Structures are given as C-alpha cells and as structure tokens.
Amino acid sequence: MKRYFHSVFFALFCLCTASNAFAYDGVVDQCTWCTTDAIFRQTAKQYYDLGGVTLYNLKTGTIHSYVFGLKRGYTDQVEPPPEAIEVSEIPTDPSIYNAFVNVSSFYQFAGYKLQAAITVPYTDLGSNIPGLNQGTSAYNVTEDANLRNRIGIEIVNSKDRWNQVRSFYNTINEAGLVYFGLKSEIVLEVRIVFADGSSALYRMTANSPNSTKLEFVPGSATTPRNQLIPDSNQPQNQGTWYGPSAGGDDLNRFGQHMNTIGAPTNWSSSGGSPSPKEVRCTWKAGQTGNTLVCAATAY
C-alpha cells in the first residue's frame, strides 16, 4: 500500500507553455529524511500513480523532480511492487527551482527555520499611529488595546522599509506557500523598541487568521532592563522585580501598571515617591477571588 503524506501540495500551475518543456503539474513535497540520491529515488516511488513528483530537503538545499514508468517485463497494475517502478529524473520546473533556492538559502541562513526575527525602533513605524511618540513605552502597549492593534497593522504597512521583512514577504511567505505549502513553518517576528529601551514582540505565522497585521505576543513586553511587564493577572506572572538601586527599573511605574491589570500593591506608586529596591508578586487566594499581590520587600 503506497503511503500518502498530509503535507503533499498539489501544484495546480497554469504555467504550461510551449516554450517551457518542464512546466510541472505533479506533486511537490518535503522529504526531511532524503539525504542521498538513492533515498530520494526510493521515496519517489511512493508517488507512482500521481504522474510525477518533486521532492526537496531544505536543510541540505537539495531538490529533485521525477517521472515514473514500469520496467520492461512488468505489466501495468494499480500498485506495482517497488522493484517494478522505473524512476527517471527530469529538470525541476524553473519557477519551482528558483523559489526553492531562495527559500532554502533563507532557511539555512536563519538557522534551519523559516523565521525572520528583526528589531526595529518605534520611529520606523512612522507618524500614522496616534499615541505613539517618544513618551510611549511597552507599558502602554500592554495597557492600551487600540495602540497594540495599530502597531500590529502598521508593521505590515511599513514592511517595504525593512529589507528583512520585505525579503520574508516576497521570498519566503509567498514562494513558501504557493509552491511548497509550508504554512506551519513560516514565522515573522518583529520586536519594537521604544524610546526608553522597553520593547514588545509582534508575530505573524502563515496560519495567522489575519494577514493584514502582526499579533502582539502575550508575555513579550519588557522594561528597559529586560524585566517582564505582565499583561494579565495570572499565576504564571509571579516573580521578583528590582528597582533602580538594584540595577532594575522604576518600580513605581511597575506598581501603577499592576494596578491597571487588577493586582494590588502595598506601596505608594504616585509621582515623587521613592521607588522600592525590590518587589515580589505572589498568587494568593482572597474572598473576592485569586489574584497577584505585589509587595515591596526592600527600599
């Protein structure tokens, strides 16, 4: 019984012309275990009744296209034994080959993943986002849903400003989907850095429900000193935060933020009050429900 693969992508190309003898209408599939020509050929036999197959390995940068026939002495049958199948290699369709070269090069450059991960300053987003200015920080991103959403949209709108994002869209996202069906493997991550040095991460995958924007990654916002900015009142956000005198950040701003997400604090975080040296947030049960409680433990 021949095996079929869920990742098989039936390339329904309308590229067949008299001038292109290798226009391809077979199957394009990834073979991560194909490391030698012999393994490629043996694997190709499993696609015998589909007319032709292009198999590729992104990690090794290898791609092969095959057509099939029966060896002399064997009669035509629905499922001939592997030894009866004659595998002939043909040149890969130029469109598929060129796309593969670009995708494979990116894959190897990015450390064997189809992921573009870049960092850009907030100023690269332009002036189209109300509320985004020199005073904006990652705290504002976690506290303002509209600002969060607008940044995700503007990253897509501004992609032509950034070579890495443009490359991702034009080479990886488009070619990877059209020819190779690599939906689950394609990821774009953009970390936005604000004027104070705080940052927030946005992500898009080929499976993202909305292709017009990148989504904020929960739990990705950090202070200038790379301390977590919790975006929810949940037990996974327990921990210890440090103030300026301990090499950390302004914990008064941290306290104000924790109050906005419903976590009570035991110190005054109003302007002019000294920032604690250390704050510890723990998950506690209360009469009105469970919550994070943040307490200053040192000044």
C-alpha atoms as a PDB file:
ATOM      1  CA  MET A   1       0.000   0.000   0.000  1.00  0.00           C
ATOM      2  CA  LYS A   2       1.520   3.296  -1.037  1.00  0.00           C
ATOM      3  CA  ARG A   3       1.852   5.972   1.625  1.00  0.00           C
ATOM      4  CA  TYR A   4       0.415   9.436   1.213  1.00  0.00           C
ATOM      5  CA  PHE A   5       1.605  12.482   3.112  1.00  0.00           C
ATOM      6  CA  HIS A   6      -0.551  15.191   4.690  1.00  0.00           C
ATOM      7  CA  SER A   7       1.979  17.782   3.585  1.00  0.00           C
ATOM      8  CA  VAL A   8       1.543  16.946  -0.100  1.00  0.00           C
ATOM      9  CA  PHE A   9       0.735  20.067  -2.076  1.00  0.00           C
ATOM     10  CA  PHE A  10      -0.913  19.553  -5.429  1.00  0.00           C
ATOM     11  CA  ALA A  11       0.627  22.293  -7.562  1.00  0.00           C
ATOM     12  CA  LEU A  12      -2.133  23.374  -9.893  1.00  0.00           C
ATOM     13  CA  PHE A  13       0.013  25.569 -12.070  1.00  0.00           C
ATOM     14  CA  CYS A  14      -1.236  27.297 -15.200  1.00  0.00           C
ATOM     15  CA  LEU A  15       2.325  27.910 -16.282  1.00  0.00           C
ATOM     16  CA  CYS A  16       2.438  25.315 -19.038  1.00  0.00           C
ATOM     17  CA  THR A  17       3.584  26.884 -22.288  1.00  0.00           C
ATOM     18  CA  ALA A  18       5.126  25.536 -25.460  1.00  0.00           C
ATOM     19  CA  SER A  19       8.398  27.258 -24.591  1.00  0.00           C
ATOM     20  CA  ASN A  20       8.628  25.582 -21.163  1.00  0.00           C
ATOM     21  CA  ALA A  21       9.154  21.873 -21.617  1.00  0.00           C
ATOM     22  CA  PHE A  22       9.418  21.336 -17.889  1.00  0.00           C
ATOM     23  CA  ALA A  23       6.195  23.001 -16.743  1.00  0.00           C
ATOM     24  CA  TYR A  24       5.152  20.867 -13.796  1.00  0.00           C
ATOM     25  CA  ASP A  25       1.738  19.701 -12.623  1.00  0.00           C
ATOM     26  CA  GLY A  26       2.743  16.896 -10.256  1.00  0.00           C
ATOM     27  CA  VAL A  27       3.242  16.804  -6.504  1.00  0.00           C
ATOM     28  CA  VAL A  28       5.648  18.989  -4.533  1.00  0.00           C
ATOM     29  CA  ASP A  29       6.536  17.524  -1.150  1.00  0.00           C
ATOM     30  CA  GLN A  30       9.131  17.906   1.565  1.00  0.00           C
ATOM     31  CA  CYS A  31      11.330  14.920   2.403  1.00  0.00           C
ATOM     32  CA  THR A  32      13.317  15.741   5.528  1.00  0.00           C
ATOM     33  CA  TRP A  33      14.889  12.273   5.615  1.00  0.00           C
ATOM     34  CA  CYS A  34      16.068  12.361   1.984  1.00  0.00           C
ATOM     35  CA  THR A  35      19.811  12.873   2.247  1.00  0.00           C
ATOM     36  CA  THR A  36      21.107  10.907  -0.733  1.00  0.00           C
ATOM     37  CA  ASP A  37      20.014  10.430  -4.333  1.00  0.00           C
ATOM     38  CA  ALA A  38      19.151   6.804  -3.577  1.00  0.00           C
ATOM     39  CA  ILE A  39      16.803   7.801  -0.737  1.00  0.00           C
ATOM     40  CA  PHE A  40      15.188  10.467  -2.910  1.00  0.00           C
ATOM     41  CA  ARG A  41      14.541   7.925  -5.654  1.00  0.00           C
ATOM     42  CA  GLN A  42      13.228   5.256  -3.311  1.00  0.00           C
ATOM     43  CA  THR A  43      10.876   7.753  -1.659  1.00  0.00           C
ATOM     44  CA  ALA A  44       9.676   8.995  -5.049  1.00  0.00           C
ATOM     45  CA  LYS A  45       8.323   5.521  -5.879  1.00  0.00           C
ATOM     46  CA  GLN A  46       5.564   6.041  -3.321  1.00  0.00           C
ATOM     47  CA  TYR A  47       4.047   8.654  -5.650  1.00  0.00           C
ATOM     48  CA  TYR A  48       3.946   6.350  -8.654  1.00  0.00           C
ATOM     49  CA  ASP A  49       0.289   6.815  -9.612  1.00  0.00           C
ATOM     50  CA  LEU A  50       0.400  10.605  -9.363  1.00  0.00           C
ATOM     51  CA  GLY A  51       2.344  11.086 -12.575  1.00  0.00           C
ATOM     52  CA  GLY A  52       5.357  12.888 -11.184  1.00  0.00           C
ATOM     53  CA  VAL A  53       6.844  14.305  -8.004  1.00  0.00           C
ATOM     54  CA  THR A  54       9.267  16.974  -6.865  1.00  0.00           C
ATOM     55  CA  LEU A  55      10.905  16.164  -3.535  1.00  0.00           C
ATOM     56  CA  TYR A  56      13.083  18.597  -1.603  1.00  0.00           C
ATOM     57  CA  ASN A  57      15.120  18.877   1.564  1.00  0.00           C
ATOM     58  CA  LEU A  58      15.505  22.459   2.801  1.00  0.00           C
ATOM     59  CA  LYS A  59      18.284  21.614   5.229  1.00  0.00           C
ATOM     60  CA  THR A  60      20.569  20.161   2.573  1.00  0.00           C
ATOM     61  CA  GLY A  61      19.354  22.535  -0.146  1.00  0.00           C
ATOM     62  CA  THR A  62      18.525  19.610  -2.451  1.00  0.00           C
ATOM     63  CA  ILE A  63      15.588  19.265  -4.846  1.00  0.00           C
ATOM     64  CA  HIS A  64      14.769  16.523  -7.388  1.00  0.00           C
ATOM     65  CA  SER A  65      11.915  16.000  -9.845  1.00  0.00           C
ATOM     66  CA  TYR A  66      10.929  12.575 -11.155  1.00  0.00           C
ATOM     67  CA  VAL A  67       8.564  10.841 -13.563  1.00  0.00           C
ATOM     68  CA  PHE A  68       7.719   7.148 -13.486  1.00  0.00           C
ATOM     69  CA  GLY A  69       7.254   4.120 -15.688  1.00  0.00           C
ATOM     70  CA  LEU A  70       7.284   0.341 -15.433  1.00  0.00           C
ATOM     71  CA  LYS A  71      10.406  -1.646 -16.094  1.00  0.00           C
ATOM     72  CA  ARG A  72      10.346  -3.997 -19.069  1.00  0.00           C
ATOM     73  CA  GLY A  73       8.670  -7.274 -18.255  1.00  0.00           C
ATOM     74  CA  TYR A  74       6.195  -5.865 -15.740  1.00  0.00           C
ATOM     75  CA  THR A  75       2.510  -5.440 -16.577  1.00  0.00           C
ATOM     76  CA  ASP A  76       0.543  -2.323 -15.705  1.00  0.00           C
ATOM     77  CA  GLN A  77      -1.229  -2.603 -12.369  1.00  0.00           C
ATOM     78  CA  VAL A  78      -2.719  -0.295  -9.728  1.00  0.00           C
ATOM     79  CA  GLU A  79       0.019  -0.855  -7.167  1.00  0.00           C
ATOM     80  CA  PRO A  80       3.110  -2.329  -8.746  1.00  0.00           C
ATOM     81  CA  PRO A  81       5.853  -3.527  -6.399  1.00  0.00           C
ATOM     82  CA  PRO A  82       8.672  -1.017  -5.802  1.00  0.00           C
ATOM     83  CA  GLU A  83      11.122  -3.077  -7.826  1.00  0.00           C
ATOM     84  CA  ALA A  84       8.861  -2.731 -10.880  1.00  0.00           C
ATOM     85  CA  ILE A  85       8.860   1.069 -10.880  1.00  0.00           C
ATOM     86  CA  GLU A  86      11.369   2.869 -13.045  1.00  0.00           C
ATOM     87  CA  VAL A  87      12.232   6.343 -11.746  1.00  0.00           C
ATOM     88  CA  SER A  88      13.556   8.909 -14.211  1.00  0.00           C
ATOM     89  CA  GLU A  89      14.834  12.274 -13.053  1.00  0.00           C
ATOM     90  CA  ILE A  90      13.831  15.365 -15.016  1.00  0.00           C
ATOM     91  CA  PRO A  91      14.834  19.010 -14.630  1.00  0.00           C
ATOM     92  CA  THR A  92      12.765  20.764 -11.986  1.00  0.00           C
ATOM     93  CA  ASP A  93      10.396  23.404 -13.302  1.00  0.00           C
ATOM     94  CA  PRO A  94      12.387  26.685 -13.328  1.00  0.00           C
ATOM     95  CA  SER A  95       9.767  28.550 -11.278  1.00  0.00           C
ATOM     96  CA  ILE A  96       9.819  25.913  -8.557  1.00  0.00           C
ATOM     97  CA  TYR A  97      13.598  25.626  -8.656  1.00  0.00           C
ATOM     98  CA  ASN A  98      14.198  29.372  -8.329  1.00  0.00           C
ATOM     99  CA  ALA A  99      11.720  29.651  -5.461  1.00  0.00           C
ATOM    100  CA  PHE A 100      13.354  26.682  -3.747  1.00  0.00           C
ATOM    101  CA  VAL A 101      16.834  28.214  -3.995  1.00  0.00           C
ATOM    102  CA  ASN A 102      15.593  31.382  -2.277  1.00  0.00           C
ATOM    103  CA  VAL A 103      13.620  29.568   0.406  1.00  0.00           C
ATOM    104  CA  SER A 104      16.397  27.085   1.137  1.00  0.00           C
ATOM    105  CA  SER A 105      19.025  29.829   1.370  1.00  0.00           C
ATOM    106  CA  PHE A 106      16.859  31.762   3.818  1.00  0.00           C
ATOM    107  CA  TYR A 107      16.169  28.585   5.801  1.00  0.00           C
ATOM    108  CA  GLN A 108      19.858  27.845   6.251  1.00  0.00           C
ATOM    109  CA  PHE A 109      20.772  31.485   6.940  1.00  0.00           C
ATOM    110  CA  ALA A 110      18.117  31.677   9.660  1.00  0.00           C
ATOM    111  CA  GLY A 111      19.461  28.586  11.453  1.00  0.00           C
ATOM    112  CA  TYR A 112      17.260  25.907   9.850  1.00  0.00           C
ATOM    113  CA  LYS A 113      13.959  27.662  10.352  1.00  0.00           C
ATOM    114  CA  LEU A 114      11.755  29.779   8.120  1.00  0.00           C
ATOM    115  CA  GLN A 115      11.704  32.680  10.523  1.00  0.00           C
ATOM    116  CA  ALA A 116      12.579  36.328  10.142  1.00  0.00           C
ATOM    117  CA  ALA A 117      13.299  37.876  13.540  1.00  0.00           C
ATOM    118  CA  ILE A 118      14.196  41.558  13.481  1.00  0.00           C
ATOM    119  CA  THR A 119      14.343  44.501  15.854  1.00  0.00           C
ATOM    120  CA  VAL A 120      13.250  47.993  14.822  1.00  0.00           C
ATOM    121  CA  PRO A 121      12.889  51.305  16.671  1.00  0.00           C
ATOM    122  CA  TYR A 122       9.367  52.643  17.130  1.00  0.00           C
ATOM    123  CA  THR A 123      10.275  55.618  14.922  1.00  0.00           C
ATOM    124  CA  ASP A 124      10.371  53.288  11.902  1.00  0.00           C
ATOM    125  CA  LEU A 125       6.615  52.895  12.225  1.00  0.00           C
ATOM    126  CA  GLY A 126       6.156  56.459  11.004  1.00  0.00           C
ATOM    127  CA  SER A 127       3.656  59.013  12.259  1.00  0.00           C
ATOM    128  CA  ASN A 128       0.427  57.196  11.420  1.00  0.00           C
ATOM    129  CA  ILE A 129      -0.254  55.831  14.910  1.00  0.00           C
ATOM    130  CA  PRO A 130      -1.961  58.237  17.358  1.00  0.00           C
ATOM    131  CA  GLY A 131      -0.444  57.913  20.795  1.00  0.00           C
ATOM    132  CA  LEU A 132       2.888  56.544  19.598  1.00  0.00           C
ATOM    133  CA  ASN A 133       5.617  59.025  20.445  1.00  0.00           C
ATOM    134  CA  GLN A 134       8.788  59.496  22.472  1.00  0.00           C
ATOM    135  CA  GLY A 135       6.873  59.026  25.699  1.00  0.00           C
ATOM    136  CA  THR A 136       5.377  55.682  24.668  1.00  0.00           C
ATOM    137  CA  SER A 137       6.716  52.566  26.366  1.00  0.00           C
ATOM    138  CA  ALA A 138       5.975  48.850  26.397  1.00  0.00           C
ATOM    139  CA  TYR A 139       3.770  49.535  29.430  1.00  0.00           C
ATOM    140  CA  ASN A 140       1.433  51.495  27.147  1.00  0.00           C
ATOM    141  CA  VAL A 141       1.315  48.592  24.693  1.00  0.00           C
ATOM    142  CA  THR A 142       0.121  46.186  27.382  1.00  0.00           C
ATOM    143  CA  GLU A 143      -2.406  48.701  28.760  1.00  0.00           C
ATOM    144  CA  ASP A 144      -3.887  50.075  25.511  1.00  0.00           C
ATOM    145  CA  ALA A 145      -5.592  47.538  23.231  1.00  0.00           C
ATOM    146  CA  ASN A 146      -6.072  50.047  20.416  1.00  0.00           C
ATOM    147  CA  LEU A 147      -2.416  51.101  20.428  1.00  0.00           C
ATOM    148  CA  ARG A 148      -1.418  47.434  20.464  1.00  0.00           C
ATOM    149  CA  ASN A 149      -3.614  46.713  17.461  1.00  0.00           C
ATOM    150  CA  ARG A 150      -2.499  49.771  15.468  1.00  0.00           C
ATOM    151  CA  ILE A 151       1.176  48.852  15.876  1.00  0.00           C
ATOM    152  CA  GLY A 152       0.472  45.355  14.549  1.00  0.00           C
ATOM    153  CA  ILE A 153      -1.220  46.804  11.474  1.00  0.00           C
ATOM    154  CA  GLU A 154       1.476  49.396  10.838  1.00  0.00           C
ATOM    155  CA  ILE A 155       4.249  46.802  10.901  1.00  0.00           C
ATOM    156  CA  VAL A 156       2.666  45.182   7.847  1.00  0.00           C
ATOM    157  CA  ASN A 157       2.043  48.541   6.173  1.00  0.00           C
ATOM    158  CA  SER A 158       5.679  49.556   6.740  1.00  0.00           C
ATOM    159  CA  LYS A 159       7.264  46.303   5.599  1.00  0.00           C
ATOM    160  CA  ASP A 160       8.814  47.841   2.492  1.00  0.00           C
ATOM    161  CA  ARG A 161      11.054  49.962   4.753  1.00  0.00           C
ATOM    162  CA  TRP A 162      12.780  46.909   6.186  1.00  0.00           C
ATOM    163  CA  ASN A 163      14.837  44.643   3.954  1.00  0.00           C
ATOM    164  CA  GLN A 164      14.412  41.601   6.171  1.00  0.00           C
ATOM    165  CA  VAL A 165      10.631  41.907   6.338  1.00  0.00           C
ATOM    166  CA  ARG A 166      10.369  42.579   2.623  1.00  0.00           C
ATOM    167  CA  SER A 167      12.517  39.514   1.950  1.00  0.00           C
ATOM    168  CA  PHE A 168      10.293  37.443   4.216  1.00  0.00           C
ATOM    169  CA  TYR A 169       7.140  38.525   2.445  1.00  0.00           C
ATOM    170  CA  ASN A 170       8.411  38.343  -1.127  1.00  0.00           C
ATOM    171  CA  THR A 171      10.660  35.298  -0.950  1.00  0.00           C
ATOM    172  CA  ILE A 172       9.612  33.145   1.958  1.00  0.00           C
ATOM    173  CA  ASN A 173       5.975  33.826   2.658  1.00  0.00           C
ATOM    174  CA  GLU A 174       4.806  33.950  -0.946  1.00  0.00           C
ATOM    175  CA  ALA A 175       7.033  31.281  -2.520  1.00  0.00           C
ATOM    176  CA  GLY A 176       6.835  29.060   0.543  1.00  0.00           C
ATOM    177  CA  LEU A 177       3.054  28.967   0.397  1.00  0.00           C
ATOM    178  CA  VAL A 178       2.470  28.966  -3.346  1.00  0.00           C
ATOM    179  CA  TYR A 179       4.932  26.212  -4.199  1.00  0.00           C
ATOM    180  CA  PHE A 180       5.694  24.304  -1.030  1.00  0.00           C
ATOM    181  CA  GLY A 181       2.715  24.683   1.341  1.00  0.00           C
ATOM    182  CA  LEU A 182       4.982  25.391   4.325  1.00  0.00           C
ATOM    183  CA  LYS A 183       2.254  27.000   6.413  1.00  0.00           C
ATOM    184  CA  SER A 184       3.223  25.669   9.813  1.00  0.00           C
ATOM    185  CA  GLU A 185       6.895  26.576   9.421  1.00  0.00           C
ATOM    186  CA  ILE A 186       6.775  30.245   8.390  1.00  0.00           C
ATOM    187  CA  VAL A 187       7.101  32.842  11.166  1.00  0.00           C
ATOM    188  CA  LEU A 188       7.779  36.571  11.127  1.00  0.00           C
ATOM    189  CA  GLU A 189       8.756  38.223  14.416  1.00  0.00           C
ATOM    190  CA  VAL A 190       9.329  41.943  14.872  1.00  0.00           C
ATOM    191  CA  ARG A 191      10.478  43.397  18.188  1.00  0.00           C
ATOM    192  CA  ILE A 192       9.578  47.064  18.560  1.00  0.00           C
ATOM    193  CA  VAL A 193      11.939  49.070  20.786  1.00  0.00           C
ATOM    194  CA  PHE A 194      10.599  52.259  22.359  1.00  0.00           C
ATOM    195  CA  ALA A 195      12.431  55.448  23.307  1.00  0.00           C
ATOM    196  CA  ASP A 196      13.062  54.342  26.902  1.00  0.00           C
ATOM    197  CA  GLY A 197      14.536  50.999  25.779  1.00  0.00           C
ATOM    198  CA  SER A 198      11.478  48.907  26.651  1.00  0.00           C
ATOM    199  CA  SER A 199      10.206  46.561  23.962  1.00  0.00           C
ATOM    200  CA  ALA A 200       7.327  44.385  22.748  1.00  0.00           C
ATOM    201  CA  LEU A 201       7.279  41.471  20.329  1.00  0.00           C
ATOM    202  CA  TYR A 202       4.853  41.006  17.424  1.00  0.00           C
ATOM    203  CA  ARG A 203       4.443  37.804  15.424  1.00  0.00           C
ATOM    204  CA  MET A 204       2.772  36.506  12.279  1.00  0.00           C
ATOM    205  CA  THR A 205       2.670  32.939  11.022  1.00  0.00           C
ATOM    206  CA  ALA A 206       1.306  31.679   7.743  1.00  0.00           C
ATOM    207  CA  ASN A 207      -1.577  30.257   9.771  1.00  0.00           C
ATOM    208  CA  SER A 208      -2.423  33.628  11.308  1.00  0.00           C
ATOM    209  CA  PRO A 209      -6.147  34.358  10.864  1.00  0.00           C
ATOM    210  CA  ASN A 210      -5.458  37.975   9.882  1.00  0.00           C
ATOM    211  CA  SER A 211      -2.754  38.592   7.268  1.00  0.00           C
ATOM    212  CA  THR A 212      -3.111  42.381   7.484  1.00  0.00           C
ATOM    213  CA  LYS A 213      -1.398  42.712  10.848  1.00  0.00           C
ATOM    214  CA  LEU A 214       1.055  41.111  13.241  1.00  0.00           C
ATOM    215  CA  GLU A 215      -0.246  39.989  16.625  1.00  0.00           C
ATOM    216  CA  PHE A 216       1.250  41.103  19.924  1.00  0.00           C
ATOM    217  CA  VAL A 217       2.864  38.136  21.680  1.00  0.00           C
ATOM    218  CA  PRO A 218       1.459  37.867  25.230  1.00  0.00           C
ATOM    219  CA  GLY A 219       4.176  37.958  27.853  1.00  0.00           C
ATOM    220  CA  SER A 220       6.729  39.520  25.480  1.00  0.00           C
ATOM    221  CA  ALA A 221       6.748  43.114  26.781  1.00  0.00           C
ATOM    222  CA  THR A 222       9.880  44.012  28.739  1.00  0.00           C
ATOM    223  CA  THR A 223      11.223  47.026  30.626  1.00  0.00           C
ATOM    224  CA  PRO A 224      14.441  48.824  29.604  1.00  0.00           C
ATOM    225  CA  ARG A 225      16.285  46.409  31.934  1.00  0.00           C
ATOM    226  CA  ASN A 226      14.568  43.393  30.331  1.00  0.00           C
ATOM    227  CA  GLN A 227      12.237  42.702  33.230  1.00  0.00           C
ATOM    228  CA  LEU A 228       8.840  41.231  32.369  1.00  0.00           C
ATOM    229  CA  ILE A 229       5.823  43.530  32.088  1.00  0.00           C
ATOM    230  CA  PRO A 230       2.911  41.234  32.990  1.00  0.00           C
ATOM    231  CA  ASP A 231      -0.098  41.631  30.711  1.00  0.00           C
ATOM    232  CA  SER A 232      -2.528  39.607  32.822  1.00  0.00           C
ATOM    233  CA  ASN A 233      -3.359  38.919  36.447  1.00  0.00           C
ATOM    234  CA  GLN A 234      -2.390  35.251  36.315  1.00  0.00           C
ATOM    235  CA  PRO A 235      -0.236  32.927  38.490  1.00  0.00           C
ATOM    236  CA  GLN A 236       2.404  32.490  35.768  1.00  0.00           C
ATOM    237  CA  ASN A 237       3.336  36.149  36.317  1.00  0.00           C
ATOM    238  CA  GLN A 238       4.635  35.634  39.843  1.00  0.00           C
ATOM    239  CA  GLY A 239       8.191  36.791  40.462  1.00  0.00           C
ATOM    240  CA  THR A 240      10.575  39.366  41.850  1.00  0.00           C
ATOM    241  CA  TRP A 241      11.259  42.741  40.236  1.00  0.00           C
ATOM    242  CA  TYR A 242      14.146  45.093  41.019  1.00  0.00           C
ATOM    243  CA  GLY A 243      14.319  48.866  41.307  1.00  0.00           C
ATOM    244  CA  PRO A 244      16.991  51.320  40.082  1.00  0.00           C
ATOM    245  CA  SER A 245      19.161  50.916  43.188  1.00  0.00           C
ATOM    246  CA  ALA A 246      19.331  47.165  42.496  1.00  0.00           C
ATOM    247  CA  GLY A 247      20.106  47.539  38.791  1.00  0.00           C
ATOM    248  CA  GLY A 248      16.476  47.430  37.663  1.00  0.00           C
ATOM    249  CA  ASP A 249      13.709  49.817  36.628  1.00  0.00           C
ATOM    250  CA  ASP A 250      11.336  52.340  38.159  1.00  0.00           C
ATOM    251  CA  LEU A 251       9.039  50.160  40.248  1.00  0.00           C
ATOM    252  CA  ASN A 252       6.553  52.964  40.778  1.00  0.00           C
ATOM    253  CA  ARG A 253       5.621  52.697  37.094  1.00  0.00           C
ATOM    254  CA  PHE A 254       5.530  48.939  37.566  1.00  0.00           C
ATOM    255  CA  GLY A 255       3.140  49.360  40.519  1.00  0.00           C
ATOM    256  CA  GLN A 256       0.832  51.621  38.511  1.00  0.00           C
ATOM    257  CA  HIS A 257       0.751  49.024  35.763  1.00  0.00           C
ATOM    258  CA  MET A 258      -0.011  46.147  38.123  1.00  0.00           C
ATOM    259  CA  ASN A 259      -2.956  48.132  39.479  1.00  0.00           C
ATOM    260  CA  THR A 260      -4.331  48.542  35.929  1.00  0.00           C
ATOM    261  CA  ILE A 261      -4.431  44.751  35.468  1.00  0.00           C
ATOM    262  CA  GLY A 262      -6.093  44.238  38.867  1.00  0.00           C
ATOM    263  CA  ALA A 263      -3.117  43.295  41.056  1.00  0.00           C
ATOM    264  CA  PRO A 264      -2.993  45.218  44.359  1.00  0.00           C
ATOM    265  CA  THR A 265       0.276  46.724  45.631  1.00  0.00           C
ATOM    266  CA  ASN A 266       1.336  47.741  49.151  1.00  0.00           C
ATOM    267  CA  TRP A 267       3.423  50.830  48.360  1.00  0.00           C
ATOM    268  CA  SER A 268       2.611  54.276  47.064  1.00  0.00           C
ATOM    269  CA  SER A 269       3.433  54.424  43.383  1.00  0.00           C
ATOM    270  CA  SER A 270       2.420  58.048  42.940  1.00  0.00           C
ATOM    271  CA  GLY A 271       4.830  60.580  41.449  1.00  0.00           C
ATOM    272  CA  GLY A 272       7.568  61.709  43.801  1.00  0.00           C
ATOM    273  CA  SER A 273       7.544  58.592  45.951  1.00  0.00           C
ATOM    274  CA  PRO A 274      10.813  56.653  46.169  1.00  0.00           C
ATOM    275  CA  SER A 275      10.944  53.507  44.087  1.00  0.00           C
ATOM    276  CA  PRO A 276      11.322  50.275  46.071  1.00  0.00           C
ATOM    277  CA  LYS A 277      14.577  48.379  45.725  1.00  0.00           C
ATOM    278  CA  GLU A 278      12.703  45.094  45.340  1.00  0.00           C
ATOM    279  CA  VAL A 279       9.104  43.992  44.768  1.00  0.00           C
ATOM    280  CA  ARG A 280       7.740  40.463  44.963  1.00  0.00           C
ATOM    281  CA  CYS A 281       4.457  39.413  43.317  1.00  0.00           C
ATOM    282  CA  THR A 282       2.750  36.227  44.528  1.00  0.00           C
ATOM    283  CA  TRP A 283      -0.501  34.459  43.658  1.00  0.00           C
ATOM    284  CA  LYS A 284      -2.907  34.493  46.600  1.00  0.00           C
ATOM    285  CA  ALA A 285      -6.455  33.414  47.333  1.00  0.00           C
ATOM    286  CA  GLY A 286      -8.878  36.064  48.574  1.00  0.00           C
ATOM    287  CA  GLN A 287     -12.527  36.489  49.437  1.00  0.00           C
ATOM    288  CA  THR A 288     -13.213  38.090  46.066  1.00  0.00           C
ATOM    289  CA  GLY A 289     -11.105  35.626  44.106  1.00  0.00           C
ATOM    290  CA  ASN A 290      -7.490  34.723  43.411  1.00  0.00           C
ATOM    291  CA  THR A 291      -5.079  37.470  42.396  1.00  0.00           C
ATOM    292  CA  LEU A 292      -1.474  38.520  42.181  1.00  0.00           C
ATOM    293  CA  VAL A 293      -0.428  40.597  45.170  1.00  0.00           C
ATOM    294  CA  CYS A 294       2.702  42.715  44.793  1.00  0.00           C
ATOM    295  CA  ALA A 295       4.577  43.843  47.907  1.00  0.00           C
ATOM    296  CA  ALA A 296       7.702  45.915  48.313  1.00  0.00           C
ATOM    297  CA  THR A 297      10.237  43.795  50.197  1.00  0.00           C
ATOM    298  CA  ALA A 298      13.150  46.262  50.327  1.00  0.00           C
ATOM    299  CA  TYR A 299      13.835  50.003  49.982  1.00  0.00           C
END
